[in-house]
Amino acid sequence: MVQRRCVRYGFWCGLSLLAACASAPNVKRMPPEFTDEGLRAQMRVLASDRFEGRRPGTVGENETVDYLVAKLRRLGLKPGNGASFLQQVPIVEIGAGDDASLSVSGQGQTRSLAYRQDMVVWTARERTQSSIRHSPMVFVGYGIDAPEYGWNDYRGIDVRGKTVVALISDPGAAPKDSKLFGGRSMTAYGLPEYKLREAARHGAAGILLIHEQSLDGRAWPAIVNAYAGARLEAPSAAAHAGRAAIEGWISHAVARGLFAQAGLDFHALAARAAEPEFRAVPLGLYADAQVHNTIRRFDSPNVIALLPGRKRRREYVVYTAHWDGLGHAAGQTSGPVLDGAVDNASGLAGLLLLAQDFARGKPAPDRSIVFMAPTATLYARLGSRYYVDHPVYPLRDTVADINLDQLNIGGPTRDVSVIGYGQSELERDLARLAGLQGRVVRPEPFPRWGEFFRSDDFSFAEAGVPALYAVGGIDDAAMGSQFGKARLRAYIERRRGQAGDRYFPSVSVRGTLDDLHLYHDLGMRLAQARRFPNWNPDSKYRTARGQSRSDSID
């Protein structure tokens, strides 16, 4: 049995033997034993209705956090925040009532849009009521002001007091123009959160984002589940300063209808918006919207456990997997539970299996390993953003973050997808390890979705810490890449952020187990090394790393 494992994971065995010879003669760590049933058991529990969708600030949060802390404590891991496994993150919940309304008038017509069906509106302001009245509507293309790209969709237009309507993504990723922005890879300018803040910075009273599934990576029901009802925000005054009175999404079909009401061709204007010469277009329409809110403040914890290192225990390798989910469908307190089996019971189950293996293995790695389950990742990464602003372990001593989010649930693949490909040296190590499995590392199949910016690895990246988010690819070992792409699209269409994201015992997890071995072996490699990895020379995050870790630059 030992010989078979060492053949399959030859590099890991060689690494452990070298480490043993260097520090502990006659003692070596065995390769990890991740089993089909072990992974299924964790997913089955974490994706059950018992946790009520794992929404922060609910009974489901209490169940989830208590379960995680009990598991980590039983493994013998140390509390990760002093004497506690918890780092409390302050959150404000701003809950829009079911009477949220939006109507559009002009050109002799008035359209009242149905909440959840046609639109979702809210406010990030901590107010019991917020509204806009007869606000002139302006199409601002992608709603981007990016001086480094010579791009300003707000040039030549005064939007103060008006409601701007913006496309999702950015001018490079949407039409796939390699000469604009990041080409087919979306930049941070394509994020909804950026567009909301940018509109407010220019004085807009309201902003409506136009949903398009092919560019966002979420179906309309997932948008409704994520944005309807109660929204979670950071409670600091700075988080709400300069936010528009009304923010929202409208469906793609509604957008086409509104442009037709204005006597304009939506598709023609959307195409023009991707051209550098584009100028904002007044629609000749007026928006009226109102929301009534309930306000609640509470703390929600990041769960953190520590495995102290043997030699360099003040240097830290971090694994992250967010524990939160969306709760119940459509932001309601009853109705279907959104179990979030893939997003992110899968990553959370993987985190627990990794923690179990590292905790039981002897000897401990040279560097310390941190296992962290952030809160509120699905709400603009509130938990991980709070952590990097208030780090328990110094960021300059944090070697890297390996993020587990929406793991590939299925059979083995010939490839591994790196989300946000081309950023750091971690990808080289991953490629070597994947090669030992007979696999290759490739960019993510749909970089225009901007997944890199939505996950906890991005919080670490912004702080300069090299971060990796990788999952099993789409080239299914048995069925090929077309099958893999179709399966991913089906997940987006029918499961992601919806009630369909449930645990199915019939689904294979053999590919997921392969990925867990990669995550483990990469973490062990980092934990046994002396050098700190860095971002690639052309990565924008390298400067921040160089400022905090000068010895990491070649």
Protein backbone atom coordinates (compact mmCIF):
# COMPACT_ATOMS: atom_id res chain seq x y z
CA MET A 1 0.00 0.00 0.00
CA VAL A 2 2.79 2.44 0.92
CA GLN A 3 4.63 1.63 -2.28
CA ARG A 4 1.53 2.27 -4.41
CA ARG A 5 0.96 5.65 -2.79
CA CYS A 6 4.54 6.68 -3.33
CA VAL A 7 4.33 5.80 -7.01
CA ARG A 8 1.22 7.93 -7.46
CA TYR A 9 2.47 10.82 -5.36
CA GLY A 10 6.16 10.41 -5.98
CA PHE A 11 7.08 14.05 -5.53
CA TRP A 12 5.31 14.25 -2.18
CA CYS A 13 7.05 11.13 -0.91
CA GLY A 14 10.39 12.49 -2.08
CA LEU A 15 9.67 15.80 -0.37
CA SER A 16 8.73 14.13 2.89
CA LEU A 17 11.82 11.95 2.80
CA LEU A 18 14.06 14.95 2.24
CA ALA A 19 12.41 16.79 5.10
CA ALA A 20 12.78 13.76 7.33
CA CYS A 21 16.47 13.36 6.51
CA ALA A 22 17.08 17.02 7.23
CA SER A 23 15.31 17.23 10.55
CA ALA A 24 14.04 13.95 11.97
CA PRO A 25 15.96 10.79 11.00
CA ASN A 26 13.87 7.61 10.72
CA VAL A 27 10.63 9.64 10.80
CA LYS A 28 8.65 10.56 7.73
CA ARG A 29 5.11 11.70 7.00
CA MET A 30 2.98 9.34 4.95
CA PRO A 31 1.00 10.59 1.96
CA PRO A 32 -2.49 11.84 2.84
CA GLU A 33 -5.42 9.46 2.83
CA PHE A 34 -8.43 11.33 1.48
CA THR A 35 -11.27 8.88 0.98
CA ASP A 36 -14.43 8.96 -1.05
CA GLU A 37 -16.58 8.36 2.01
CA GLY A 38 -14.69 10.86 4.13
CA LEU A 39 -15.34 13.66 1.64
CA ARG A 40 -18.94 12.62 1.08
CA ALA A 41 -19.63 12.47 4.82
CA GLN A 42 -18.44 16.05 5.32
CA MET A 43 -20.34 17.39 2.32
CA ARG A 44 -23.49 15.51 3.27
CA VAL A 45 -23.52 17.15 6.70
CA LEU A 46 -22.48 20.67 5.66
CA ALA A 47 -24.96 20.77 2.76
CA SER A 48 -27.89 19.56 4.87
CA ASP A 49 -30.94 21.60 5.86
CA ARG A 50 -29.71 21.41 9.44
CA PHE A 51 -27.56 24.49 8.71
CA GLU A 52 -30.40 26.41 7.01
CA GLY A 53 -28.20 27.60 4.18
CA ARG A 54 -25.38 28.86 6.48
CA ARG A 55 -26.40 32.50 6.28
CA PRO A 56 -24.47 34.84 8.60
CA GLY A 57 -26.50 36.26 11.47
CA THR A 58 -28.98 33.38 11.62
CA VAL A 59 -29.51 30.15 13.55
CA GLY A 60 -27.79 28.49 10.61
CA GLU A 61 -24.63 30.46 11.41
CA ASN A 62 -24.65 29.21 15.00
CA GLU A 63 -25.02 25.61 13.87
CA THR A 64 -22.26 25.95 11.29
CA VAL A 65 -19.74 27.71 13.50
CA ASP A 66 -20.33 25.36 16.44
CA TYR A 67 -19.85 22.37 14.15
CA LEU A 68 -16.60 23.71 12.69
CA VAL A 69 -15.11 24.66 16.06
CA ALA A 70 -15.97 21.27 17.53
CA LYS A 71 -14.36 19.47 14.58
CA LEU A 72 -11.19 21.56 14.68
CA ARG A 73 -10.88 21.20 18.44
CA ARG A 74 -11.25 17.42 18.24
CA LEU A 75 -8.43 17.33 15.71
CA GLY A 76 -6.15 18.84 18.33
CA LEU A 77 -5.56 22.09 16.45
CA LYS A 78 -4.88 25.25 18.42
CA PRO A 79 -7.33 28.16 18.57
CA GLY A 80 -6.29 30.52 15.81
CA ASN A 81 -7.04 33.82 17.52
CA GLY A 82 -5.39 33.78 20.93
CA ALA A 83 -7.55 31.55 23.12
CA SER A 84 -10.42 31.54 20.62
CA PHE A 85 -11.17 29.85 17.32
CA LEU A 86 -13.20 32.93 16.31
CA GLN A 87 -12.40 36.36 14.96
CA GLN A 88 -15.57 38.43 15.14
CA VAL A 89 -16.39 40.51 12.07
CA PRO A 90 -18.80 43.47 12.54
CA ILE A 91 -21.64 43.46 10.02
CA VAL A 92 -24.73 45.54 9.39
CA GLU A 93 -27.75 43.91 7.79
CA ILE A 94 -29.94 46.23 5.73
CA GLY A 95 -33.13 44.38 4.89
CA ALA A 96 -35.36 45.61 2.08
CA GLY A 97 -39.03 44.77 2.51
CA ASP A 98 -41.16 42.98 -0.06
CA ASP A 99 -42.71 46.33 -0.98
CA ALA A 100 -39.50 47.44 -2.74
CA SER A 101 -40.60 49.18 -5.93
CA LEU A 102 -39.19 50.46 -9.22
CA SER A 103 -41.11 52.07 -12.05
CA VAL A 104 -39.90 53.69 -15.26
CA SER A 105 -41.83 56.39 -17.10
CA GLY A 106 -41.32 58.31 -20.31
CA GLN A 107 -42.21 58.37 -23.98
CA GLY A 108 -45.90 58.12 -23.05
CA GLN A 109 -45.52 54.91 -21.01
CA THR A 110 -45.06 53.89 -17.39
CA ARG A 111 -43.75 50.43 -16.49
CA SER A 112 -43.93 49.07 -12.95
CA LEU A 113 -41.31 46.37 -12.58
CA ALA A 114 -41.95 43.32 -10.42
CA TYR A 115 -39.62 42.84 -7.47
CA ARG A 116 -37.56 39.65 -7.84
CA GLN A 117 -39.06 38.81 -11.23
CA ASP A 118 -37.93 41.87 -13.22
CA MET A 119 -35.61 43.66 -10.84
CA VAL A 120 -33.98 43.73 -7.42
CA VAL A 121 -33.38 47.08 -5.68
CA TRP A 122 -31.86 47.96 -2.33
CA THR A 123 -29.78 50.60 -0.60
CA ALA A 124 -26.41 50.31 1.16
CA ARG A 125 -27.27 53.32 3.29
CA GLU A 126 -28.20 52.59 6.89
CA ARG A 127 -31.63 54.13 6.61
CA THR A 128 -35.11 52.79 7.25
CA GLN A 129 -36.23 54.28 3.94
CA SER A 130 -34.50 55.34 0.73
CA SER A 131 -35.93 56.50 -2.58
CA ILE A 132 -35.46 58.30 -5.87
CA ARG A 133 -38.16 60.40 -7.49
CA HIS A 134 -38.48 61.11 -11.23
CA SER A 135 -34.73 60.60 -11.65
CA PRO A 136 -33.55 61.02 -15.28
CA MET A 137 -32.01 57.80 -16.59
CA VAL A 138 -28.67 57.72 -18.45
CA PHE A 139 -27.00 54.76 -20.15
CA VAL A 140 -23.32 54.94 -19.18
CA GLY A 141 -22.06 51.88 -21.05
CA TYR A 142 -19.92 49.87 -18.65
CA GLY A 143 -19.93 52.61 -16.01
CA ILE A 144 -16.12 52.68 -15.80
CA ASP A 145 -13.68 55.50 -15.16
CA ALA A 146 -10.20 53.97 -15.62
CA PRO A 147 -7.46 56.53 -16.29
CA GLU A 148 -4.78 53.89 -16.83
CA TYR A 149 -6.77 52.55 -19.77
CA GLY A 150 -7.70 56.00 -21.04
CA TRP A 151 -11.34 55.13 -20.47
CA ASN A 152 -14.12 57.23 -18.92
CA ASP A 153 -17.76 56.38 -19.49
CA TYR A 154 -18.74 59.45 -17.46
CA ARG A 155 -16.89 61.87 -19.71
CA GLY A 156 -19.02 64.76 -20.90
CA ILE A 157 -22.10 63.90 -18.84
CA ASP A 158 -23.34 65.21 -15.50
CA VAL A 159 -25.13 62.36 -13.70
CA ARG A 160 -25.72 64.12 -10.40
CA GLY A 161 -29.21 63.25 -9.16
CA LYS A 162 -29.72 60.88 -12.10
CA THR A 163 -30.03 57.11 -12.36
CA VAL A 164 -27.32 55.47 -14.40
CA VAL A 165 -27.84 52.19 -16.24
CA ALA A 166 -24.70 50.10 -16.77
CA LEU A 167 -23.62 46.89 -18.44
CA ILE A 168 -21.88 44.24 -16.39
CA SER A 169 -18.22 43.23 -16.99
CA ASP A 170 -15.76 45.47 -18.88
CA PRO A 171 -15.13 46.47 -22.52
CA GLY A 172 -12.43 43.84 -23.02
CA ALA A 173 -14.11 40.78 -21.51
CA ALA A 174 -17.57 41.40 -22.95
CA PRO A 175 -16.78 41.56 -26.70
CA LYS A 176 -13.53 39.62 -26.06
CA ASP A 177 -11.33 42.36 -27.49
CA SER A 178 -7.72 41.55 -26.61
CA LYS A 179 -6.75 45.21 -27.03
CA LEU A 180 -9.08 46.51 -24.33
CA PHE A 181 -8.56 46.23 -20.58
CA GLY A 182 -7.60 42.61 -19.71
CA GLY A 183 -8.77 41.16 -23.00
CA ARG A 184 -10.99 38.13 -22.46
CA SER A 185 -10.13 38.19 -18.73
CA MET A 186 -12.32 40.56 -16.77
CA THR A 187 -10.57 43.17 -14.65
CA ALA A 188 -11.73 44.49 -11.29
CA TYR A 189 -13.46 47.29 -13.22
CA GLY A 190 -16.07 44.75 -14.25
CA LEU A 191 -17.16 43.99 -10.70
CA PRO A 192 -20.65 45.06 -9.65
CA GLU A 193 -19.24 46.51 -6.42
CA TYR A 194 -16.91 48.79 -8.38
CA LYS A 195 -19.70 50.05 -10.65
CA LEU A 196 -21.97 50.80 -7.68
CA ARG A 197 -19.33 52.90 -5.96
CA GLU A 198 -18.19 54.62 -9.14
CA ALA A 199 -21.72 55.75 -9.97
CA ALA A 200 -22.06 57.25 -6.50
CA ARG A 201 -18.65 58.91 -6.80
CA HIS A 202 -19.96 60.75 -9.85
CA GLY A 203 -23.05 61.85 -7.93
CA ALA A 204 -25.66 59.45 -9.28
CA ALA A 205 -28.81 59.07 -7.19
CA GLY A 206 -29.38 55.56 -8.47
CA ILE A 207 -27.66 52.81 -10.45
CA LEU A 208 -29.17 49.82 -12.23
CA LEU A 209 -26.95 46.99 -13.49
CA ILE A 210 -28.06 45.00 -16.52
CA HIS A 211 -27.81 41.29 -15.89
CA GLU A 212 -26.27 39.03 -18.51
CA GLN A 213 -25.58 35.46 -17.46
CA SER A 214 -22.83 34.81 -20.00
CA LEU A 215 -20.78 37.67 -18.54
CA ASP A 216 -21.64 37.35 -14.86
CA GLY A 217 -21.51 33.58 -14.35
CA ARG A 218 -24.82 33.60 -12.43
CA ALA A 219 -28.35 32.97 -13.64
CA TRP A 220 -31.08 35.51 -12.83
CA PRO A 221 -32.52 33.39 -9.96
CA ALA A 222 -29.05 33.39 -8.37
CA ILE A 223 -28.94 37.20 -8.60
CA VAL A 224 -32.31 37.40 -6.87
CA ASN A 225 -31.22 34.98 -4.13
CA ALA A 226 -28.04 36.97 -3.53
CA TYR A 227 -29.44 40.51 -3.61
CA ALA A 228 -33.11 40.39 -2.60
CA GLY A 229 -34.20 40.90 0.98
CA ALA A 230 -31.45 41.59 3.50
CA ARG A 231 -28.01 42.71 2.31
CA LEU A 232 -24.89 42.47 4.45
CA GLU A 233 -22.48 45.40 4.53
CA ALA A 234 -19.46 46.57 6.50
CA PRO A 235 -20.75 48.91 9.22
CA SER A 236 -18.06 51.57 9.06
CA ALA A 237 -19.12 55.02 7.95
CA ALA A 238 -16.65 54.83 5.09
CA ALA A 239 -18.42 51.77 3.71
CA HIS A 240 -21.61 53.74 3.13
CA ALA A 241 -20.28 57.19 2.35
CA GLY A 242 -20.98 58.02 -1.24
CA ARG A 243 -23.35 55.13 -1.96
CA ALA A 244 -26.29 55.88 -4.21
CA ALA A 245 -29.74 56.14 -2.69
CA ILE A 246 -30.93 53.20 -4.78
CA GLU A 247 -28.84 50.35 -6.21
CA GLY A 248 -30.17 47.43 -8.18
CA TRP A 249 -30.23 44.89 -10.98
CA ILE A 250 -32.63 44.61 -13.88
CA SER A 251 -33.01 41.51 -16.02
CA HIS A 252 -31.67 41.45 -19.55
CA ALA A 253 -35.19 41.19 -20.97
CA VAL A 254 -36.33 44.22 -18.97
CA ALA A 255 -33.33 46.22 -20.17
CA ARG A 256 -34.17 45.50 -23.79
CA GLY A 257 -37.75 46.58 -23.16
CA LEU A 258 -36.73 49.84 -21.50
CA PHE A 259 -34.40 50.75 -24.35
CA ALA A 260 -37.22 50.00 -26.79
CA GLN A 261 -39.49 52.25 -24.73
CA ALA A 262 -36.86 54.98 -25.17
CA GLY A 263 -36.84 54.36 -28.93
CA LEU A 264 -33.27 52.96 -28.83
CA ASP A 265 -31.66 49.73 -30.02
CA PHE A 266 -30.21 48.02 -26.96
CA HIS A 267 -27.85 45.71 -28.84
CA ALA A 268 -26.49 48.52 -31.00
CA LEU A 269 -25.83 50.72 -27.96
CA ALA A 270 -24.23 47.83 -26.06
CA ALA A 271 -21.87 47.28 -29.00
CA ARG A 272 -21.01 50.99 -29.10
CA ALA A 273 -20.28 50.92 -25.37
CA ALA A 274 -17.23 48.72 -26.06
CA GLU A 275 -15.67 51.39 -28.27
CA PRO A 276 -13.27 53.98 -26.77
CA GLU A 277 -15.23 56.82 -28.41
CA PHE A 278 -18.47 55.88 -26.59
CA ARG A 279 -20.34 58.69 -24.84
CA ALA A 280 -23.15 58.29 -22.31
CA VAL A 281 -26.67 58.41 -23.73
CA PRO A 282 -29.64 60.03 -21.93
CA LEU A 283 -32.60 57.65 -22.29
CA GLY A 284 -35.41 60.17 -21.97
CA LEU A 285 -36.87 57.97 -19.21
CA TYR A 286 -37.37 58.59 -15.49
CA ALA A 287 -36.97 56.21 -12.56
CA ASP A 288 -38.98 56.13 -9.35
CA ALA A 289 -37.89 53.64 -6.69
CA GLN A 290 -38.33 53.11 -2.98
CA VAL A 291 -37.24 50.62 -0.33
CA HIS A 292 -38.24 50.30 3.32
CA ASN A 293 -35.55 48.70 5.45
CA THR A 294 -34.95 47.02 8.74
CA ILE A 295 -31.49 47.62 10.21
CA ARG A 296 -29.63 45.11 12.36
CA ARG A 297 -26.03 45.06 13.58
CA PHE A 298 -24.27 41.89 14.63
CA ASP A 299 -20.90 40.15 14.68
CA SER A 300 -20.21 37.11 12.53
CA PRO A 301 -17.02 35.08 12.99
CA ASN A 302 -14.14 34.01 10.83
CA VAL A 303 -13.28 30.54 12.12
CA ILE A 304 -9.49 30.11 12.51
CA ALA A 305 -7.39 27.16 13.68
CA LEU A 306 -3.62 26.82 13.89
CA LEU A 307 -1.14 23.96 13.49
CA PRO A 308 2.13 25.33 14.92
CA GLY A 309 5.22 24.65 12.87
CA ARG A 310 8.27 22.84 14.23
CA LYS A 311 11.03 25.18 13.08
CA ARG A 312 9.63 28.42 11.66
CA ARG A 313 6.39 28.66 13.54
CA ARG A 314 6.13 32.42 12.98
CA GLU A 315 5.77 31.90 9.22
CA TYR A 316 2.32 30.86 8.06
CA VAL A 317 0.74 28.98 5.16
CA VAL A 318 -3.00 29.72 5.05
CA TYR A 319 -5.83 27.60 3.70
CA THR A 320 -9.19 29.38 3.26
CA ALA A 321 -12.70 28.12 2.49
CA HIS A 322 -15.68 30.34 3.26
CA TRP A 323 -18.38 28.83 5.45
CA ASP A 324 -21.26 31.14 4.57
CA GLY A 325 -24.17 30.58 2.22
CA LEU A 326 -27.28 32.47 1.16
CA GLY A 327 -29.80 31.02 3.61
CA HIS A 328 -33.26 30.79 2.08
CA ALA A 329 -34.28 31.52 -1.50
CA ALA A 330 -35.04 35.07 -2.63
CA GLY A 331 -33.79 36.58 0.61
CA GLN A 332 -36.78 35.32 2.58
CA THR A 333 -36.78 33.70 6.01
CA SER A 334 -38.85 30.76 4.81
CA GLY A 335 -39.14 28.79 1.61
CA PRO A 336 -36.50 26.62 -0.04
CA VAL A 337 -33.18 26.31 1.76
CA LEU A 338 -30.14 27.10 -0.40
CA ASP A 339 -27.88 24.32 0.84
CA GLY A 340 -24.91 25.46 -1.24
CA ALA A 341 -23.39 21.99 -1.67
CA VAL A 342 -20.81 23.13 -4.22
CA ASP A 343 -20.72 26.76 -3.05
CA ASN A 344 -19.25 26.17 -0.59
CA ALA A 345 -19.89 23.00 1.42
CA SER A 346 -17.43 21.39 -0.99
CA GLY A 347 -14.58 23.74 -0.13
CA LEU A 348 -15.40 23.64 3.56
CA ALA A 349 -15.39 19.82 3.54
CA GLY A 350 -12.02 19.92 1.78
CA LEU A 351 -10.66 22.33 4.39
CA LEU A 352 -11.67 19.97 7.21
CA LEU A 353 -10.07 16.97 5.49
CA LEU A 354 -6.85 18.91 4.98
CA ALA A 355 -6.89 20.02 8.61
CA GLN A 356 -7.41 16.42 9.71
CA ASP A 357 -4.49 15.12 7.67
CA PHE A 358 -2.06 17.83 8.72
CA ALA A 359 -3.09 17.51 12.38
CA ARG A 360 -2.61 13.74 12.46
CA GLY A 361 0.58 13.62 10.42
CA LYS A 362 3.95 13.41 12.15
CA PRO A 363 6.19 15.29 12.29
CA ALA A 364 4.53 18.68 11.96
CA PRO A 365 5.65 20.82 9.00
CA ASP A 366 8.42 23.37 9.51
CA ARG A 367 6.11 26.34 9.04
CA SER A 368 2.80 26.87 10.79
CA ILE A 369 -0.41 26.18 8.90
CA VAL A 370 -3.58 28.22 9.39
CA PHE A 371 -7.01 26.85 8.51
CA MET A 372 -9.51 29.67 8.10
CA ALA A 373 -13.19 29.65 7.19
CA PRO A 374 -14.14 33.29 6.51
CA THR A 375 -17.64 34.61 6.93
CA ALA A 376 -19.70 36.60 4.42
CA THR A 377 -17.61 35.86 1.34
CA LEU A 378 -20.78 35.89 -0.74
CA TYR A 379 -21.33 39.48 0.44
CA ALA A 380 -18.30 41.19 -1.11
CA ARG A 381 -15.80 39.14 0.94
CA LEU A 382 -16.58 40.90 4.20
CA GLY A 383 -14.85 38.28 6.35
CA SER A 384 -11.57 37.95 4.49
CA ARG A 385 -11.38 41.70 3.87
CA TYR A 386 -11.75 42.24 7.60
CA TYR A 387 -9.03 39.68 8.28
CA VAL A 388 -6.44 41.32 6.04
CA ASP A 389 -7.28 44.68 7.61
CA HIS A 390 -6.98 43.12 11.09
CA PRO A 391 -4.63 40.16 10.56
CA VAL A 392 -4.22 37.69 13.39
CA TYR A 393 -0.87 36.71 11.86
CA PRO A 394 1.36 39.36 10.25
CA LEU A 395 0.83 39.53 6.52
CA ARG A 396 4.55 39.98 5.93
CA ASP A 397 5.03 36.56 7.57
CA THR A 398 2.17 34.94 5.66
CA VAL A 399 3.71 32.72 2.99
CA ALA A 400 0.63 32.24 0.79
CA ASP A 401 -3.11 31.62 0.73
CA ILE A 402 -4.55 28.49 -0.90
CA ASN A 403 -8.26 29.05 -1.42
CA LEU A 404 -10.86 26.28 -1.67
CA ASP A 405 -14.07 27.52 -3.26
CA GLN A 406 -16.66 25.67 -5.36
CA LEU A 407 -14.57 22.52 -5.80
CA ASN A 408 -14.89 20.43 -8.93
CA ILE A 409 -17.39 17.74 -7.97
CA GLY A 410 -17.10 14.95 -10.51
CA GLY A 411 -14.72 12.48 -12.08
CA PRO A 412 -11.01 12.99 -12.77
CA THR A 413 -9.92 15.66 -15.22
CA ARG A 414 -6.84 15.94 -17.38
CA ASP A 415 -6.42 19.59 -16.43
CA VAL A 416 -6.46 21.99 -13.50
CA SER A 417 -8.01 25.44 -13.89
CA VAL A 418 -6.31 28.40 -12.22
CA ILE A 419 -8.70 31.24 -11.47
CA GLY A 420 -6.93 34.50 -12.30
CA TYR A 421 -4.20 32.67 -14.22
CA GLY A 422 -0.73 34.15 -14.69
CA GLN A 423 -0.36 36.02 -11.41
CA SER A 424 2.08 34.22 -9.10
CA GLU A 425 4.91 31.73 -8.72
CA LEU A 426 2.50 29.40 -6.94
CA GLU A 427 1.27 28.32 -10.36
CA ARG A 428 4.69 26.89 -11.21
CA ASP A 429 4.65 24.69 -8.12
CA LEU A 430 1.07 23.66 -8.87
CA ALA A 431 2.05 22.73 -12.43
CA ARG A 432 4.86 20.49 -11.20
CA LEU A 433 2.58 18.69 -8.78
CA ALA A 434 -0.22 18.38 -11.33
CA GLY A 435 2.27 16.87 -13.76
CA LEU A 436 2.88 14.03 -11.31
CA GLN A 437 -0.82 13.25 -11.63
CA GLY A 438 -0.58 13.35 -15.42
CA ARG A 439 -2.43 16.67 -15.56
CA VAL A 440 -1.74 20.12 -16.96
CA VAL A 441 -2.48 23.57 -15.54
CA ARG A 442 -4.55 25.90 -17.71
CA PRO A 443 -6.33 29.25 -17.36
CA GLU A 444 -9.94 29.11 -16.21
CA PRO A 445 -12.38 28.40 -19.07
CA PHE A 446 -14.51 31.53 -18.54
CA PRO A 447 -12.21 34.34 -17.32
CA ARG A 448 -14.80 36.94 -18.29
CA TRP A 449 -16.79 35.96 -15.18
CA GLY A 450 -14.16 37.52 -12.91
CA GLU A 451 -14.25 34.75 -10.30
CA PHE A 452 -10.78 35.73 -9.05
CA PHE A 453 -12.17 39.00 -7.71
CA ARG A 454 -15.11 37.41 -5.90
CA SER A 455 -13.25 34.90 -3.75
CA ASP A 456 -11.20 35.20 -0.58
CA ASP A 457 -7.90 34.80 -2.42
CA PHE A 458 -8.45 38.29 -3.84
CA SER A 459 -8.52 39.80 -0.36
CA PHE A 460 -5.07 38.34 0.29
CA ALA A 461 -3.87 39.39 -3.16
CA GLU A 462 -4.84 43.02 -2.57
CA ALA A 463 -2.78 42.88 0.62
CA GLY A 464 0.22 41.52 -1.32
CA VAL A 465 0.07 37.90 -0.11
CA PRO A 466 0.47 35.41 -2.99
CA ALA A 467 -2.81 33.54 -3.35
CA LEU A 468 -3.98 30.61 -5.44
CA TYR A 469 -7.50 29.57 -6.38
CA ALA A 470 -7.43 26.43 -8.52
CA VAL A 471 -10.02 23.74 -9.23
CA GLY A 472 -10.28 20.65 -11.38
CA GLY A 473 -10.57 21.65 -15.02
CA ILE A 474 -13.12 20.93 -17.72
CA ASP A 475 -11.28 18.24 -19.70
CA ASP A 476 -13.06 15.25 -18.21
CA ALA A 477 -10.80 12.20 -18.34
CA ALA A 478 -13.61 9.96 -19.55
CA MET A 479 -15.87 12.30 -21.54
CA GLY A 480 -13.65 15.13 -22.82
CA SER A 481 -13.73 18.92 -22.66
CA GLN A 482 -17.07 19.50 -24.37
CA PHE A 483 -18.74 17.41 -21.71
CA GLY A 484 -16.90 19.38 -19.03
CA LYS A 485 -17.99 22.72 -20.46
CA ALA A 486 -21.60 21.57 -20.74
CA ARG A 487 -21.56 20.36 -17.14
CA LEU A 488 -20.19 23.70 -15.93
CA ARG A 489 -22.83 25.63 -17.87
CA ALA A 490 -25.55 23.40 -16.43
CA TYR A 491 -24.27 24.14 -12.93
CA ILE A 492 -24.42 27.88 -13.61
CA GLU A 493 -27.88 27.67 -15.16
CA ARG A 494 -29.64 25.41 -12.68
CA ARG A 495 -27.63 25.11 -9.47
CA ARG A 496 -25.26 27.93 -8.56
CA GLY A 497 -26.83 30.18 -5.95
CA GLN A 498 -30.10 28.28 -6.28
CA ALA A 499 -32.02 25.52 -4.51
CA GLY A 500 -30.58 23.03 -7.00
CA ASP A 501 -27.14 23.27 -5.39
CA ARG A 502 -27.76 20.23 -3.20
CA TYR A 503 -25.70 17.21 -2.24
CA PHE A 504 -26.25 14.33 -4.67
CA PRO A 505 -24.86 10.98 -3.46
CA SER A 506 -24.77 9.64 -7.02
CA VAL A 507 -22.17 12.18 -8.21
CA SER A 508 -18.55 11.04 -8.43
CA VAL A 509 -15.97 12.79 -6.26
CA ARG A 510 -12.88 11.01 -7.60
CA GLY A 511 -11.71 14.16 -9.35
CA THR A 512 -12.29 16.16 -6.18
CA LEU A 513 -10.00 13.79 -4.28
CA ASP A 514 -7.28 14.34 -6.88
CA ASP A 515 -7.61 18.09 -6.32
CA LEU A 516 -7.39 17.68 -2.53
CA HIS A 517 -4.06 15.89 -2.98
CA LEU A 518 -2.83 18.87 -5.00
CA TYR A 519 -3.93 21.34 -2.33
CA HIS A 520 -2.26 19.23 0.34
CA ASP A 521 1.00 18.75 -1.52
CA LEU A 522 1.28 22.41 -2.45
CA GLY A 523 0.68 23.43 1.15
CA MET A 524 3.28 20.95 2.36
CA ARG A 525 5.79 22.16 -0.20
CA LEU A 526 5.29 25.74 1.00
CA ALA A 527 5.42 24.71 4.64
CA GLN A 528 8.76 22.91 4.19
CA ALA A 529 10.42 25.59 2.05
CA ARG A 530 12.57 28.46 3.29
CA ARG A 531 11.88 30.96 0.55
CA PHE A 532 8.74 33.08 0.32
CA PRO A 533 6.95 32.82 -3.04
CA ASN A 534 6.23 36.01 -4.94
CA TRP A 535 3.93 37.39 -7.57
CA ASN A 536 5.09 37.30 -11.18
CA PRO A 537 7.09 40.36 -12.31
CA ASP A 538 4.17 41.76 -14.32
CA SER A 539 1.56 41.22 -11.59
CA LYS A 540 0.07 44.37 -10.08
CA TYR A 541 0.18 42.71 -6.65
CA ARG A 542 3.97 42.32 -6.63
CA THR A 543 4.55 45.87 -5.41
CA ALA A 544 2.51 45.33 -2.26
CA ARG A 545 4.37 42.09 -1.56
CA GLY A 546 7.73 43.76 -2.10
CA GLN A 547 6.87 46.46 0.40
CA SER A 548 5.94 43.94 3.07
CA ARG A 549 8.48 41.21 2.26
CA SER A 550 11.63 42.58 0.64
CA ASP A 551 13.45 39.24 0.90
CA SER A 552 10.88 37.63 -1.39
CA ILE A 553 12.00 39.52 -4.49
CA ASP A 554 14.57 37.75 -6.64
